[in-house]
């Protein structure tokens, strides 16, 4: 679904659930008004609990659409085939001039990956002046980025999702998952 289709759906059916599957830090930094944060790593951990107790439309959102598509596949394997994905994610949403709320969260995952990959390459190149085998660190990162592009996956992002600043409070996991699966949606949008 593209941005105009999602906006039309939410306008026609206010019970539409916009589920943002990015990390809590990314969600806090920027999100679609009225959306709820249910991180992809939580969906993976609790995949056996993803059967919804409602018929409300669900639209999954992330930065580019990649993580939202992974979330859709998880929901589909749990027996839910009614979830749509916001094509081009939050980037496409912004390009259409749709409203976005800003906060003080962490950097986007793409930006975190660029920082980590760039730092490792720089370390490998500079470090190889003193210790020649470190040049292979840059080669390893390059190979990983190439594989990530070809396979449309990102192991570095999966690792970065595990860092404390990218994880939400674990005691709220059931509450977060309830936003997606409970019969009655929460009245307060957000985390």
N, C-alpha and C. Protein backbone atom coordinates (compact mmCIF):
# COMPACT_ATOMS: atom_id res chain seq x y z
N UNK A 1 0.85 -1.18 0.00
CA UNK A 1 0.00 0.00 0.00
C UNK A 1 0.89 1.24 0.00
N UNK A 2 0.56 2.21 -0.86
CA UNK A 2 1.34 3.44 -0.82
C UNK A 2 0.71 4.43 0.17
N UNK A 3 1.37 5.55 0.35
CA UNK A 3 0.92 6.51 1.36
C UNK A 3 -0.51 6.99 1.12
N UNK A 4 -0.89 7.39 -0.11
CA UNK A 4 -2.28 7.83 -0.31
C UNK A 4 -3.30 6.73 0.05
N UNK A 5 -2.98 5.48 -0.27
CA UNK A 5 -3.90 4.38 0.05
C UNK A 5 -4.03 4.21 1.57
N UNK A 6 -2.91 4.32 2.28
CA UNK A 6 -2.97 4.17 3.74
C UNK A 6 -3.73 5.33 4.36
N UNK A 7 -3.50 6.53 3.87
CA UNK A 7 -4.23 7.69 4.42
C UNK A 7 -5.74 7.56 4.15
N UNK A 8 -6.09 7.06 2.97
CA UNK A 8 -7.51 6.86 2.64
C UNK A 8 -8.11 5.80 3.56
N UNK A 9 -7.36 4.71 3.79
CA UNK A 9 -7.85 3.64 4.67
C UNK A 9 -8.05 4.14 6.09
N UNK A 10 -7.08 4.86 6.63
CA UNK A 10 -7.22 5.35 8.01
C UNK A 10 -8.34 6.38 8.13
N UNK A 11 -8.56 7.14 7.05
CA UNK A 11 -9.66 8.11 7.07
C UNK A 11 -11.02 7.42 7.02
N UNK A 12 -11.11 6.35 6.21
CA UNK A 12 -12.37 5.64 6.07
C UNK A 12 -12.65 4.71 7.24
N UNK A 13 -11.60 4.19 7.85
CA UNK A 13 -11.77 3.25 8.97
C UNK A 13 -10.84 3.65 10.11
N UNK A 14 -11.34 4.40 11.07
CA UNK A 14 -10.47 4.85 12.18
C UNK A 14 -9.95 3.73 13.06
N UNK A 15 -10.47 2.51 12.90
CA UNK A 15 -9.96 1.38 13.69
C UNK A 15 -8.71 0.76 13.06
N UNK A 16 -8.27 1.30 11.93
CA UNK A 16 -7.04 0.80 11.29
C UNK A 16 -5.88 0.94 12.26
N UNK A 17 -5.12 -0.10 12.40
CA UNK A 17 -3.97 -0.11 13.32
C UNK A 17 -2.68 0.07 12.53
N UNK A 18 -2.04 1.21 12.76
CA UNK A 18 -0.73 1.47 12.15
C UNK A 18 0.32 0.96 13.13
N UNK A 19 1.03 -0.07 12.75
CA UNK A 19 2.01 -0.71 13.63
C UNK A 19 3.41 -0.44 13.09
N UNK A 20 4.18 0.31 13.84
CA UNK A 20 5.55 0.65 13.47
C UNK A 20 6.48 -0.39 14.07
N UNK A 21 7.21 -1.13 13.23
CA UNK A 21 8.03 -2.25 13.71
C UNK A 21 9.49 -1.88 13.89
N UNK A 22 9.82 -0.59 13.82
CA UNK A 22 11.21 -0.18 14.06
C UNK A 22 11.51 -0.30 15.55
N UNK A 23 12.74 0.01 15.93
CA UNK A 23 13.13 -0.07 17.34
C UNK A 23 12.44 1.04 18.12
N UNK A 24 12.29 0.88 19.43
CA UNK A 24 11.66 1.94 20.24
C UNK A 24 12.37 3.29 20.11
N UNK A 25 13.69 3.28 20.02
CA UNK A 25 14.42 4.53 19.88
C UNK A 25 14.11 5.24 18.58
N UNK A 26 14.05 4.48 17.49
CA UNK A 26 13.69 5.06 16.20
C UNK A 26 12.27 5.60 16.23
N UNK A 27 11.37 4.85 16.85
CA UNK A 27 9.97 5.27 16.93
C UNK A 27 9.85 6.57 17.71
N UNK A 28 10.56 6.67 18.83
CA UNK A 28 10.49 7.88 19.65
C UNK A 28 11.02 9.09 18.87
N UNK A 29 12.04 8.87 18.06
CA UNK A 29 12.62 9.98 17.30
C UNK A 29 11.66 10.52 16.25
N UNK A 30 10.87 9.62 15.64
CA UNK A 30 9.99 10.04 14.56
C UNK A 30 8.97 8.94 14.29
N UNK A 31 7.70 9.31 14.19
CA UNK A 31 6.69 8.31 13.86
C UNK A 31 5.43 8.97 13.29
N UNK A 32 4.61 8.15 12.69
CA UNK A 32 3.34 8.60 12.13
C UNK A 32 2.37 8.83 13.29
N UNK A 33 1.70 9.98 13.32
CA UNK A 33 0.72 10.21 14.40
C UNK A 33 -0.33 9.09 14.43
N UNK A 34 -0.61 8.61 15.63
CA UNK A 34 -1.60 7.55 15.80
C UNK A 34 -1.04 6.15 15.65
N UNK A 35 0.23 6.03 15.28
CA UNK A 35 0.83 4.70 15.14
C UNK A 35 1.28 4.17 16.49
N UNK A 36 1.50 2.86 16.54
CA UNK A 36 1.95 2.19 17.76
C UNK A 36 3.24 1.44 17.45
N UNK A 37 4.11 1.36 18.42
CA UNK A 37 5.39 0.69 18.25
C UNK A 37 5.32 -0.75 18.75
N UNK A 38 5.51 -1.70 17.85
CA UNK A 38 5.66 -3.12 18.19
C UNK A 38 6.91 -3.58 17.43
N UNK A 39 8.08 -3.54 18.07
CA UNK A 39 9.34 -3.81 17.38
C UNK A 39 9.40 -5.19 16.73
N UNK A 40 10.08 -5.25 15.61
CA UNK A 40 10.21 -6.51 14.87
C UNK A 40 10.85 -7.60 15.73
N UNK A 41 11.85 -7.25 16.55
CA UNK A 41 12.49 -8.29 17.37
C UNK A 41 11.49 -8.88 18.37
N UNK A 42 10.54 -8.07 18.86
CA UNK A 42 9.51 -8.59 19.75
C UNK A 42 8.58 -9.55 18.98
N UNK A 43 8.25 -9.20 17.75
CA UNK A 43 7.41 -10.08 16.93
C UNK A 43 8.10 -11.42 16.70
N UNK A 44 9.42 -11.37 16.49
CA UNK A 44 10.17 -12.62 16.29
C UNK A 44 10.16 -13.46 17.57
N UNK A 45 10.39 -12.80 18.71
CA UNK A 45 10.45 -13.52 19.98
C UNK A 45 9.10 -14.11 20.37
N UNK A 46 8.01 -13.44 20.03
CA UNK A 46 6.68 -13.86 20.46
C UNK A 46 5.83 -14.29 19.28
N UNK A 47 6.44 -14.90 18.28
CA UNK A 47 5.73 -15.23 17.04
C UNK A 47 4.56 -16.19 17.26
N UNK A 48 4.58 -16.94 18.36
CA UNK A 48 3.47 -17.87 18.61
C UNK A 48 2.24 -17.16 19.18
N UNK A 49 2.37 -15.86 19.46
CA UNK A 49 1.27 -15.10 20.08
C UNK A 49 0.71 -14.03 19.15
N UNK A 50 0.89 -14.19 17.86
CA UNK A 50 0.53 -13.12 16.93
C UNK A 50 -0.86 -13.21 16.34
N UNK A 51 -1.64 -14.16 16.75
CA UNK A 51 -2.99 -14.28 16.21
C UNK A 51 -3.88 -13.17 16.79
N UNK A 52 -4.43 -12.31 15.93
CA UNK A 52 -5.24 -11.20 16.45
C UNK A 52 -6.63 -11.65 16.87
N UNK A 53 -7.17 -10.95 17.85
CA UNK A 53 -8.54 -11.21 18.32
C UNK A 53 -9.48 -10.13 17.77
N UNK A 54 -9.19 -9.64 16.57
CA UNK A 54 -10.00 -8.57 15.97
C UNK A 54 -9.97 -8.70 14.45
N UNK A 55 -10.82 -7.91 13.81
CA UNK A 55 -10.89 -7.89 12.34
C UNK A 55 -10.40 -6.55 11.79
N UNK A 56 -9.78 -5.72 12.64
CA UNK A 56 -9.35 -4.39 12.21
C UNK A 56 -8.24 -4.49 11.16
N UNK A 57 -8.25 -3.56 10.20
CA UNK A 57 -7.14 -3.55 9.25
C UNK A 57 -5.83 -3.21 9.97
N UNK A 58 -4.74 -3.82 9.53
CA UNK A 58 -3.41 -3.57 10.12
C UNK A 58 -2.47 -3.14 8.99
N UNK A 59 -1.77 -2.05 9.21
CA UNK A 59 -0.75 -1.58 8.26
C UNK A 59 0.57 -1.53 9.01
N UNK A 60 1.56 -2.23 8.49
CA UNK A 60 2.88 -2.30 9.11
C UNK A 60 3.80 -1.25 8.51
N UNK A 61 4.57 -0.61 9.37
CA UNK A 61 5.40 0.52 8.96
C UNK A 61 6.82 0.33 9.48
N UNK A 62 7.80 0.71 8.69
CA UNK A 62 9.19 0.83 9.15
C UNK A 62 9.82 1.98 8.37
N UNK A 63 11.13 2.05 8.32
CA UNK A 63 11.78 3.17 7.63
C UNK A 63 11.63 3.08 6.12
N UNK A 64 11.81 1.87 5.58
CA UNK A 64 11.81 1.72 4.12
C UNK A 64 10.79 0.71 3.59
N UNK A 65 10.24 -0.10 4.46
CA UNK A 65 9.31 -1.15 4.06
C UNK A 65 9.91 -2.54 4.21
N UNK A 66 11.22 -2.65 4.36
CA UNK A 66 11.89 -3.95 4.46
C UNK A 66 11.53 -4.68 5.75
N UNK A 67 11.69 -4.02 6.90
CA UNK A 67 11.36 -4.67 8.17
C UNK A 67 9.85 -4.91 8.29
N UNK A 68 9.06 -4.00 7.74
CA UNK A 68 7.60 -4.18 7.78
C UNK A 68 7.20 -5.43 6.98
N UNK A 69 7.89 -5.67 5.87
CA UNK A 69 7.61 -6.86 5.07
C UNK A 69 7.98 -8.13 5.85
N UNK A 70 9.10 -8.08 6.59
CA UNK A 70 9.47 -9.22 7.44
C UNK A 70 8.40 -9.45 8.51
N UNK A 71 7.88 -8.36 9.06
CA UNK A 71 6.81 -8.48 10.07
C UNK A 71 5.55 -9.08 9.44
N UNK A 72 5.24 -8.65 8.21
CA UNK A 72 4.06 -9.20 7.53
C UNK A 72 4.21 -10.70 7.33
N UNK A 73 5.41 -11.14 6.96
CA UNK A 73 5.66 -12.58 6.78
C UNK A 73 5.48 -13.33 8.10
N UNK A 74 5.94 -12.73 9.21
CA UNK A 74 5.74 -13.37 10.52
C UNK A 74 4.25 -13.50 10.84
N UNK A 75 3.51 -12.42 10.58
CA UNK A 75 2.07 -12.47 10.84
C UNK A 75 1.39 -13.48 9.94
N UNK A 76 1.81 -13.54 8.69
CA UNK A 76 1.23 -14.50 7.76
C UNK A 76 1.49 -15.93 8.21
N UNK A 77 2.69 -16.20 8.70
CA UNK A 77 3.00 -17.56 9.18
C UNK A 77 2.22 -17.88 10.45
N UNK A 78 1.74 -16.84 11.15
CA UNK A 78 0.91 -17.05 12.35
C UNK A 78 -0.56 -17.15 11.98
N UNK A 79 -0.87 -17.06 10.67
CA UNK A 79 -2.25 -17.22 10.23
C UNK A 79 -2.99 -15.92 9.97
N UNK A 80 -2.30 -14.80 9.98
CA UNK A 80 -2.92 -13.51 9.73
C UNK A 80 -2.54 -13.03 8.34
N UNK A 81 -3.51 -12.94 7.45
CA UNK A 81 -3.20 -12.50 6.09
C UNK A 81 -3.82 -11.14 5.77
N UNK A 82 -4.26 -10.42 6.80
CA UNK A 82 -4.91 -9.13 6.57
C UNK A 82 -3.98 -7.94 6.76
N UNK A 83 -2.73 -8.16 7.04
CA UNK A 83 -1.81 -7.05 7.29
C UNK A 83 -1.21 -6.54 5.99
N UNK A 84 -1.22 -5.22 5.83
CA UNK A 84 -0.58 -4.58 4.69
C UNK A 84 0.72 -3.93 5.12
N UNK A 85 1.51 -3.55 4.15
CA UNK A 85 2.80 -2.89 4.41
C UNK A 85 2.78 -1.52 3.73
N UNK A 86 3.21 -0.50 4.46
CA UNK A 86 3.34 0.83 3.88
C UNK A 86 4.55 0.81 2.95
N UNK A 87 4.29 0.86 1.62
CA UNK A 87 5.36 0.82 0.63
C UNK A 87 6.29 2.04 0.83
N UNK A 88 7.56 1.81 0.79
CA UNK A 88 8.60 2.83 0.99
C UNK A 88 8.62 3.38 2.41
N UNK A 89 7.84 2.83 3.31
CA UNK A 89 7.91 3.14 4.72
C UNK A 89 7.76 4.62 5.05
N UNK A 90 8.38 4.98 6.16
CA UNK A 90 8.29 6.35 6.65
C UNK A 90 8.92 7.33 5.66
N UNK A 91 9.91 6.88 4.90
CA UNK A 91 10.53 7.75 3.90
C UNK A 91 9.50 8.16 2.85
N UNK A 92 8.75 7.18 2.34
CA UNK A 92 7.71 7.48 1.36
C UNK A 92 6.60 8.33 1.96
N UNK A 93 6.28 8.07 3.23
CA UNK A 93 5.25 8.84 3.93
C UNK A 93 5.64 10.32 3.96
N UNK A 94 6.91 10.58 4.33
CA UNK A 94 7.41 11.96 4.38
C UNK A 94 7.41 12.60 3.00
N UNK A 95 7.81 11.84 1.96
CA UNK A 95 7.87 12.38 0.60
C UNK A 95 6.50 12.84 0.11
N UNK A 96 5.44 12.22 0.62
CA UNK A 96 4.09 12.62 0.24
C UNK A 96 3.58 13.78 1.10
N UNK A 97 4.42 14.30 1.97
CA UNK A 97 4.02 15.43 2.81
C UNK A 97 3.05 15.04 3.91
N UNK A 98 2.97 13.76 4.24
CA UNK A 98 2.08 13.30 5.30
C UNK A 98 2.68 13.68 6.66
N UNK A 99 1.82 13.88 7.67
CA UNK A 99 2.32 14.35 8.97
C UNK A 99 3.18 13.31 9.69
N UNK A 100 4.18 13.81 10.41
CA UNK A 100 5.10 12.99 11.21
C UNK A 100 5.31 13.70 12.54
N UNK A 101 5.32 12.93 13.62
CA UNK A 101 5.63 13.50 14.93
C UNK A 101 7.10 13.24 15.25
N UNK A 102 7.78 14.24 15.80
CA UNK A 102 9.20 14.12 16.13
C UNK A 102 9.40 14.10 17.64
N UNK A 103 10.41 13.35 18.08
CA UNK A 103 10.77 13.29 19.49
C UNK A 103 12.27 13.31 19.63
N UNK A 104 12.77 12.70 20.69
CA UNK A 104 14.21 12.72 20.94
C UNK A 104 14.77 11.31 21.06
N UNK A 105 14.48 10.46 20.12
CA UNK A 105 14.95 9.08 20.16
C UNK A 105 16.34 8.93 19.55
N UNK A 106 16.65 7.71 19.16
CA UNK A 106 17.97 7.42 18.59
C UNK A 106 17.95 7.63 17.08
N UNK A 107 19.11 7.44 16.48
CA UNK A 107 19.23 7.52 15.03
C UNK A 107 18.44 6.37 14.38
N UNK A 108 18.11 6.55 13.10
CA UNK A 108 17.47 5.47 12.35
C UNK A 108 18.44 4.31 12.25
N UNK A 109 17.91 3.11 12.03
CA UNK A 109 18.76 1.93 11.94
C UNK A 109 19.72 2.05 10.76
N UNK A 110 19.25 2.59 9.64
CA UNK A 110 20.13 2.76 8.47
C UNK A 110 21.33 3.63 8.84
N UNK A 111 21.08 4.70 9.57
CA UNK A 111 22.17 5.60 9.96
C UNK A 111 23.13 4.91 10.92
N UNK A 112 22.58 4.11 11.84
CA UNK A 112 23.43 3.37 12.78
C UNK A 112 24.31 2.36 12.04
N UNK A 113 23.72 1.70 11.02
CA UNK A 113 24.50 0.73 10.23
C UNK A 113 25.60 1.44 9.47
N UNK A 114 25.28 2.60 8.87
CA UNK A 114 26.32 3.34 8.14
C UNK A 114 27.46 3.74 9.07
N UNK A 115 27.13 4.17 10.29
CA UNK A 115 28.17 4.57 11.25
C UNK A 115 29.02 3.37 11.65
N UNK A 116 28.38 2.25 11.97
CA UNK A 116 29.13 1.06 12.39
C UNK A 116 30.00 0.54 11.26
N UNK A 117 29.43 0.42 10.05
CA UNK A 117 30.20 -0.10 8.92
C UNK A 117 31.35 0.85 8.57
N UNK A 118 31.07 2.13 8.52
CA UNK A 118 32.12 3.10 8.20
C UNK A 118 33.23 3.10 9.23
N UNK A 119 32.86 2.99 10.50
CA UNK A 119 33.87 2.98 11.56
C UNK A 119 34.75 1.73 11.47
N UNK A 120 34.13 0.60 11.17
CA UNK A 120 34.92 -0.64 11.05
C UNK A 120 35.87 -0.58 9.85
N UNK A 121 35.40 -0.04 8.73
CA UNK A 121 36.26 0.09 7.55
C UNK A 121 37.42 1.03 7.84
N UNK A 122 37.10 2.17 8.46
CA UNK A 122 38.16 3.14 8.81
C UNK A 122 39.18 2.51 9.76
N UNK A 123 38.69 1.78 10.76
CA UNK A 123 39.57 1.11 11.71
C UNK A 123 40.47 0.10 10.98
N UNK A 124 39.88 -0.64 10.05
CA UNK A 124 40.66 -1.63 9.30
C UNK A 124 41.74 -0.99 8.45
N UNK A 125 41.38 0.09 7.76
CA UNK A 125 42.35 0.75 6.86
C UNK A 125 43.47 1.41 7.67
N UNK A 126 43.10 2.20 8.68
CA UNK A 126 44.11 2.90 9.48
C UNK A 126 44.92 1.89 10.30
N UNK A 127 44.22 0.93 10.88
CA UNK A 127 44.91 -0.07 11.70
C UNK A 127 45.88 -0.93 10.90
N UNK A 128 45.61 -1.10 9.59
CA UNK A 128 46.48 -1.95 8.77
C UNK A 128 47.86 -1.30 8.55
N UNK A 129 47.94 0.00 8.80
CA UNK A 129 49.26 0.67 8.72
C UNK A 129 50.18 0.09 9.79
N UNK A 130 49.61 -0.25 10.94
CA UNK A 130 50.38 -0.78 12.06
C UNK A 130 50.35 -2.30 12.15
N UNK A 131 49.23 -2.86 11.72
CA UNK A 131 49.05 -4.31 11.80
C UNK A 131 48.36 -4.76 10.50
N UNK A 132 49.15 -5.25 9.55
CA UNK A 132 48.67 -5.52 8.20
C UNK A 132 47.39 -6.38 8.12
N UNK A 133 47.25 -7.41 8.94
CA UNK A 133 46.03 -8.24 8.81
C UNK A 133 44.72 -7.48 9.06
N UNK A 134 44.79 -6.31 9.67
CA UNK A 134 43.55 -5.55 9.91
C UNK A 134 42.89 -5.09 8.61
N UNK A 135 43.63 -5.12 7.49
CA UNK A 135 43.03 -4.73 6.21
C UNK A 135 41.85 -5.66 5.86
N UNK A 136 41.89 -6.88 6.38
CA UNK A 136 40.83 -7.82 6.09
C UNK A 136 39.52 -7.46 6.79
N UNK A 137 39.62 -6.65 7.85
CA UNK A 137 38.40 -6.18 8.50
C UNK A 137 37.58 -5.34 7.52
N UNK A 138 38.24 -4.45 6.79
CA UNK A 138 37.54 -3.65 5.79
C UNK A 138 36.95 -4.54 4.70
N UNK A 139 37.70 -5.56 4.29
CA UNK A 139 37.19 -6.49 3.28
C UNK A 139 35.99 -7.28 3.79
N UNK A 140 36.04 -7.66 5.04
CA UNK A 140 34.93 -8.41 5.64
C UNK A 140 33.66 -7.55 5.67
N UNK A 141 33.81 -6.30 6.07
CA UNK A 141 32.65 -5.40 6.11
C UNK A 141 32.10 -5.18 4.70
N UNK A 142 33.00 -5.00 3.74
CA UNK A 142 32.56 -4.82 2.35
C UNK A 142 31.80 -6.04 1.85
N UNK A 143 32.30 -7.23 2.16
CA UNK A 143 31.61 -8.46 1.75
C UNK A 143 30.24 -8.55 2.42
N UNK A 144 30.17 -8.17 3.69
CA UNK A 144 28.90 -8.21 4.40
C UNK A 144 27.89 -7.24 3.82
N UNK A 145 28.34 -6.04 3.46
CA UNK A 145 27.42 -5.07 2.87
C UNK A 145 26.95 -5.52 1.50
N UNK A 146 27.84 -6.16 0.74
CA UNK A 146 27.45 -6.69 -0.58
C UNK A 146 26.40 -7.78 -0.41
N UNK A 147 26.65 -8.69 0.52
CA UNK A 147 25.68 -9.76 0.76
C UNK A 147 24.34 -9.18 1.23
N UNK A 148 24.41 -8.15 2.09
CA UNK A 148 23.18 -7.52 2.58
C UNK A 148 22.36 -6.93 1.43
N UNK A 149 23.06 -6.31 0.48
CA UNK A 149 22.34 -5.72 -0.66
C UNK A 149 21.74 -6.80 -1.55
N UNK A 150 22.48 -7.85 -1.83
CA UNK A 150 22.00 -8.91 -2.72
C UNK A 150 20.85 -9.69 -2.08
N UNK A 151 20.97 -9.98 -0.80
CA UNK A 151 19.96 -10.80 -0.12
C UNK A 151 18.83 -9.97 0.49
N UNK A 152 18.96 -8.64 0.45
CA UNK A 152 17.99 -7.72 1.06
C UNK A 152 17.78 -8.04 2.54
N UNK A 153 18.88 -8.37 3.21
CA UNK A 153 18.88 -8.60 4.66
C UNK A 153 20.01 -7.76 5.24
N UNK A 154 20.08 -7.67 6.55
CA UNK A 154 21.18 -6.92 7.14
C UNK A 154 21.50 -7.49 8.52
N UNK A 155 22.53 -8.31 8.57
CA UNK A 155 22.94 -8.91 9.84
C UNK A 155 23.42 -7.85 10.81
N UNK A 156 24.06 -6.80 10.30
CA UNK A 156 24.56 -5.75 11.20
C UNK A 156 23.38 -5.04 11.88
N UNK A 157 22.31 -4.81 11.14
CA UNK A 157 21.12 -4.18 11.74
C UNK A 157 20.52 -5.09 12.80
N UNK A 158 20.51 -6.40 12.52
CA UNK A 158 19.98 -7.35 13.51
C UNK A 158 20.79 -7.30 14.80
N UNK A 159 22.12 -7.17 14.66
CA UNK A 159 22.98 -7.08 15.84
C UNK A 159 22.77 -5.75 16.57
N UNK A 160 22.66 -4.67 15.81
CA UNK A 160 22.46 -3.36 16.44
C UNK A 160 21.11 -3.27 17.16
N UNK A 161 20.11 -4.01 16.67
CA UNK A 161 18.81 -4.03 17.34
C UNK A 161 18.90 -4.58 18.76
N UNK A 162 19.94 -5.36 19.03
CA UNK A 162 20.10 -5.97 20.35
C UNK A 162 20.71 -5.03 21.38
N UNK A 163 21.26 -3.90 20.93
CA UNK A 163 21.87 -2.95 21.87
C UNK A 163 20.79 -2.33 22.76
N UNK A 164 21.14 -2.02 24.01
CA UNK A 164 20.14 -1.52 24.96
C UNK A 164 19.37 -0.29 24.48
N UNK A 165 20.04 0.63 23.78
CA UNK A 165 19.33 1.84 23.35
C UNK A 165 18.32 1.57 22.25
N UNK A 166 18.39 0.40 21.63
CA UNK A 166 17.43 0.04 20.58
C UNK A 166 16.33 -0.89 21.07
N UNK A 167 16.39 -1.28 22.32
CA UNK A 167 15.38 -2.21 22.85
C UNK A 167 14.46 -1.48 23.81
N UNK A 168 13.22 -1.86 23.80
CA UNK A 168 12.25 -1.28 24.71
C UNK A 168 12.24 -2.04 26.01
N UNK A 169 11.51 -1.53 26.99
CA UNK A 169 11.41 -2.23 28.27
C UNK A 169 10.75 -3.61 28.07
N UNK A 170 11.42 -4.65 28.52
CA UNK A 170 10.91 -6.00 28.32
C UNK A 170 9.63 -6.27 29.13
N UNK A 171 9.44 -5.55 30.24
CA UNK A 171 8.24 -5.79 31.03
C UNK A 171 6.99 -5.30 30.30
N UNK A 172 7.15 -4.50 29.26
CA UNK A 172 6.01 -4.00 28.51
C UNK A 172 5.72 -4.84 27.27
N UNK A 173 6.39 -5.98 27.11
CA UNK A 173 6.25 -6.76 25.89
C UNK A 173 4.80 -7.17 25.62
N UNK A 174 4.10 -7.66 26.64
CA UNK A 174 2.71 -8.08 26.44
C UNK A 174 1.83 -6.90 26.08
N UNK A 175 2.10 -5.77 26.72
CA UNK A 175 1.32 -4.56 26.42
C UNK A 175 1.55 -4.11 24.97
N UNK A 176 2.80 -4.15 24.54
CA UNK A 176 3.12 -3.76 23.16
C UNK A 176 2.47 -4.71 22.17
N UNK A 177 2.56 -6.00 22.44
CA UNK A 177 1.98 -6.99 21.54
C UNK A 177 0.46 -6.87 21.50
N UNK A 178 -0.12 -6.48 22.63
CA UNK A 178 -1.57 -6.30 22.69
C UNK A 178 -2.09 -5.25 21.73
N UNK A 179 -1.28 -4.26 21.42
CA UNK A 179 -1.67 -3.23 20.46
C UNK A 179 -1.97 -3.86 19.10
N UNK A 180 -1.26 -4.92 18.79
CA UNK A 180 -1.45 -5.60 17.51
C UNK A 180 -2.53 -6.66 17.57
N UNK A 181 -2.65 -7.35 18.71
CA UNK A 181 -3.50 -8.53 18.74
C UNK A 181 -4.79 -8.39 19.55
N UNK A 182 -4.86 -7.51 20.52
CA UNK A 182 -6.04 -7.43 21.39
C UNK A 182 -7.29 -6.98 20.63
N UNK A 183 -8.43 -7.42 21.12
CA UNK A 183 -9.70 -7.11 20.49
C UNK A 183 -9.95 -5.60 20.45
N UNK A 184 -9.68 -4.93 21.54
CA UNK A 184 -9.92 -3.49 21.61
C UNK A 184 -8.59 -2.76 21.55
N UNK A 185 -8.42 -1.90 20.55
CA UNK A 185 -7.16 -1.17 20.45
C UNK A 185 -7.03 -0.18 21.59
N UNK A 186 -5.83 0.16 21.97
CA UNK A 186 -5.64 1.15 23.04
C UNK A 186 -6.15 2.51 22.58
N UNK A 187 -6.60 3.30 23.52
CA UNK A 187 -7.10 4.63 23.17
C UNK A 187 -5.98 5.63 23.01
N UNK A 188 -4.82 5.36 23.64
CA UNK A 188 -3.68 6.26 23.54
C UNK A 188 -2.69 5.71 22.54
N UNK A 189 -2.50 6.38 21.40
CA UNK A 189 -1.46 5.92 20.50
C UNK A 189 -0.09 6.12 21.09
N UNK A 190 0.85 5.36 20.64
CA UNK A 190 2.24 5.49 21.10
C UNK A 190 2.84 4.16 21.40
N UNK A 191 3.76 4.12 22.33
CA UNK A 191 4.48 2.90 22.65
C UNK A 191 3.69 1.94 23.46
